[in-house]
Structure formats: C-alpha cells, structure tokens
C-alpha cells in the first residue's frame, strides 16, 4: 500500500516537472500564471539542481529535466519490483 502511494507521488512529481518545463517556454501572460510558475519552480528546482550540477546545458538546451524524469522512472520500477 505504501509503495503504491509513493509510486503515485513520484508520478505526480514527474507531471509537475513536465508542466514546469512547458510553462518555462511560455512568456508570462499575467500575474496568476507567474505565481503558478514560481510555485512549481520552488517545488521542482531543488530536485533538478541535483542534475544541473553534472549535466551542463547543450546549445542552450537544459537536459536535466529529462534525466531527472528518467531517474524517477527508475525509482518507480524499483518500487514495483519490491512490491
């Protein structure tokens, strides 16, 4: 039961990373969107910064979210094998 909850939390966190990445491409339209972007950034940035230390941007493209999502998926697979 606890493993399934953790699996879903990691799934939701992955979704937050994807939404944050998409929002970073869109210019700020209004104050509400900027607040949402800031809130998402405060949630996902600490995790992404772990990967940014080792993965530099390539031609201005940040690949750390992709690697971060791959690591989340690997942890999810580990959880499923333990269950």
C-alpha atoms as a PDB file:
ATOM      1  CA  UNK A   1       0.000   0.000   0.000  1.00  0.00           C
ATOM      2  CA  UNK A   2       2.740   2.464   0.965  1.00  0.00           C
ATOM      3  CA  UNK A   3       4.689   1.527  -2.167  1.00  0.00           C
ATOM      4  CA  UNK A   4       1.714   2.323  -4.394  1.00  0.00           C
ATOM      5  CA  UNK A   5       1.253   5.686  -2.706  1.00  0.00           C
ATOM      6  CA  UNK A   6       4.937   6.502  -3.216  1.00  0.00           C
ATOM      7  CA  UNK A   7       4.644   5.359  -6.842  1.00  0.00           C
ATOM      8  CA  UNK A   8       1.732   7.767  -7.414  1.00  0.00           C
ATOM      9  CA  UNK A   9       3.515  10.637  -5.653  1.00  0.00           C
ATOM     10  CA  UNK A  10       6.525  10.172  -7.947  1.00  0.00           C
ATOM     11  CA  UNK A  11       4.172  10.027 -10.924  1.00  0.00           C
ATOM     12  CA  UNK A  12       2.599  13.326  -9.852  1.00  0.00           C
ATOM     13  CA  UNK A  13       6.042  14.887  -9.301  1.00  0.00           C
ATOM     14  CA  UNK A  14       7.006  13.868 -12.831  1.00  0.00           C
ATOM     15  CA  UNK A  15       3.904  15.643 -14.090  1.00  0.00           C
ATOM     16  CA  UNK A  16       4.900  18.768 -12.160  1.00  0.00           C
ATOM     17  CA  UNK A  17       8.321  18.727 -13.831  1.00  0.00           C
ATOM     18  CA  UNK A  18       6.748  18.444 -17.285  1.00  0.00           C
ATOM     19  CA  UNK A  19       4.261  21.252 -16.600  1.00  0.00           C
ATOM     20  CA  UNK A  20       7.044  23.467 -15.224  1.00  0.00           C
ATOM     21  CA  UNK A  21       9.150  22.849 -18.338  1.00  0.00           C
ATOM     22  CA  UNK A  22       6.275  23.734 -20.641  1.00  0.00           C
ATOM     23  CA  UNK A  23       5.477  26.852 -18.624  1.00  0.00           C
ATOM     24  CA  UNK A  24       9.104  27.952 -18.835  1.00  0.00           C
ATOM     25  CA  UNK A  25       8.773  28.160 -22.628  1.00  0.00           C
ATOM     26  CA  UNK A  26       5.681  30.371 -22.477  1.00  0.00           C
ATOM     27  CA  UNK A  27       6.190  34.055 -21.700  1.00  0.00           C
ATOM     28  CA  UNK A  28       4.352  35.354 -18.649  1.00  0.00           C
ATOM     29  CA  UNK A  29       0.859  36.363 -19.651  1.00  0.00           C
ATOM     30  CA  UNK A  30      -0.427  37.567 -16.329  1.00  0.00           C
ATOM     31  CA  UNK A  31       0.362  37.625 -12.647  1.00  0.00           C
ATOM     32  CA  UNK A  32      -1.523  34.415 -11.834  1.00  0.00           C
ATOM     33  CA  UNK A  33       0.473  32.373 -14.337  1.00  0.00           C
ATOM     34  CA  UNK A  34       3.703  33.846 -12.986  1.00  0.00           C
ATOM     35  CA  UNK A  35       2.708  32.837  -9.455  1.00  0.00           C
ATOM     36  CA  UNK A  36       1.941  29.300 -10.603  1.00  0.00           C
ATOM     37  CA  UNK A  37       5.272  29.130 -12.434  1.00  0.00           C
ATOM     38  CA  UNK A  38       7.087  30.384  -9.340  1.00  0.00           C
ATOM     39  CA  UNK A  39       5.302  27.857  -7.088  1.00  0.00           C
ATOM     40  CA  UNK A  40       6.110  24.979  -9.443  1.00  0.00           C
ATOM     41  CA  UNK A  41       9.696  26.162  -9.686  1.00  0.00           C
ATOM     42  CA  UNK A  42      10.057  26.151  -5.919  1.00  0.00           C
ATOM     43  CA  UNK A  43       8.871  22.528  -5.902  1.00  0.00           C
ATOM     44  CA  UNK A  44      10.891  21.101  -8.813  1.00  0.00           C
ATOM     45  CA  UNK A  45      14.038  23.268  -8.850  1.00  0.00           C
ATOM     46  CA  UNK A  46      15.724  21.633  -5.822  1.00  0.00           C
ATOM     47  CA  UNK A  47      15.458  18.211  -7.465  1.00  0.00           C
ATOM     48  CA  UNK A  48      16.525  19.459 -10.892  1.00  0.00           C
ATOM     49  CA  UNK A  49      19.507  21.319  -9.439  1.00  0.00           C
ATOM     50  CA  UNK A  50      20.974  17.964  -8.404  1.00  0.00           C
ATOM     51  CA  UNK A  51      21.265  17.060 -12.074  1.00  0.00           C
ATOM     52  CA  UNK A  52      22.256  20.517 -13.315  1.00  0.00           C
ATOM     53  CA  UNK A  53      25.491  20.230 -11.349  1.00  0.00           C
ATOM     54  CA  UNK A  54      26.618  17.369 -13.589  1.00  0.00           C
ATOM     55  CA  UNK A  55      24.757  17.975 -16.847  1.00  0.00           C
ATOM     56  CA  UNK A  56      25.604  21.326 -18.445  1.00  0.00           C
ATOM     57  CA  UNK A  57      23.227  22.874 -20.986  1.00  0.00           C
ATOM     58  CA  UNK A  58      23.982  21.909 -24.574  1.00  0.00           C
ATOM     59  CA  UNK A  59      23.460  24.747 -27.080  1.00  0.00           C
ATOM     60  CA  UNK A  60      21.184  26.470 -24.563  1.00  0.00           C
ATOM     61  CA  UNK A  61      19.028  23.393 -24.011  1.00  0.00           C
ATOM     62  CA  UNK A  62      18.730  22.075 -20.468  1.00  0.00           C
ATOM     63  CA  UNK A  63      18.582  18.286 -20.455  1.00  0.00           C
ATOM     64  CA  UNK A  64      18.429  17.959 -16.669  1.00  0.00           C
ATOM     65  CA  UNK A  65      14.603  17.563 -16.588  1.00  0.00           C
ATOM     66  CA  UNK A  66      14.850  14.605 -18.963  1.00  0.00           C
ATOM     67  CA  UNK A  67      17.474  12.899 -16.838  1.00  0.00           C
ATOM     68  CA  UNK A  68      15.502  13.717 -13.683  1.00  0.00           C
ATOM     69  CA  UNK A  69      12.383  12.085 -15.130  1.00  0.00           C
ATOM     70  CA  UNK A  70      14.388   9.021 -16.180  1.00  0.00           C
ATOM     71  CA  UNK A  71      15.686   8.682 -12.618  1.00  0.00           C
ATOM     72  CA  UNK A  72      12.137   8.998 -11.262  1.00  0.00           C
ATOM     73  CA  UNK A  73      11.023   6.251 -13.633  1.00  0.00           C
ATOM     74  CA  UNK A  74      13.878   4.005 -12.486  1.00  0.00           C
ATOM     75  CA  UNK A  75      12.857   4.534  -8.862  1.00  0.00           C
ATOM     76  CA  UNK A  76       9.267   3.698  -9.789  1.00  0.00           C
ATOM     77  CA  UNK A  77      10.405   0.463 -11.421  1.00  0.00           C
ATOM     78  CA  UNK A  78      12.387  -0.354  -8.309  1.00  0.00           C
ATOM     79  CA  UNK A  79       9.288   0.199  -6.203  1.00  0.00           C
ATOM     80  CA  UNK A  80       7.272  -2.105  -8.446  1.00  0.00           C
ATOM     81  CA  UNK A  81       9.873  -4.880  -8.235  1.00  0.00           C
ATOM     82  CA  UNK A  82       9.893  -4.630  -4.444  1.00  0.00           C
ATOM     83  CA  UNK A  83       6.113  -4.917  -4.329  1.00  0.00           C
END
